Amino acid sequence: QVQLVESGGGLVQVGGSLRLSCAASGIIVSRNTMDWYHQAPGKQHELVARISSGGRTFYADSVNGRFTISRDNAENTVYLQMNSLKPEDTGVYYCHAAFDWGQGTQVTVSS
């Protein structure tokens, strides 16, 4: 059974930083494509960052240059470093792999 557990969300001011974590069990993150999705209030999920099994990364234009996805193979955890946060980054961030989703972690960026 795959479990993806996100943590690290919270309330931060504009321009601040947060690091989200996705601790995985039942799946080896280094052998799978791992994604972070963002769901803004009232909107659909949007892919913001992806890391492939080979380590290739992808970023949505809206976060490119501000967010960094990475993984720790020993900890079987995927991270999303979020810098220069903007109010539009507010929402729930979900970890995703194959057919599985985490429960999400709330990020609120206040101006």
Foldseek 3Di string as FASTA:
>chain_A
DKAWAKDWADEEEQQAKIKMKIQIDPDQPLAFKKWKWFDDVPGDIDTAKIAGNVGDMDGDPVQPPFWDWDDDRVRSMIMIIGGRDDQRSFGWMWMDTDHDIHPTDGHGYHD
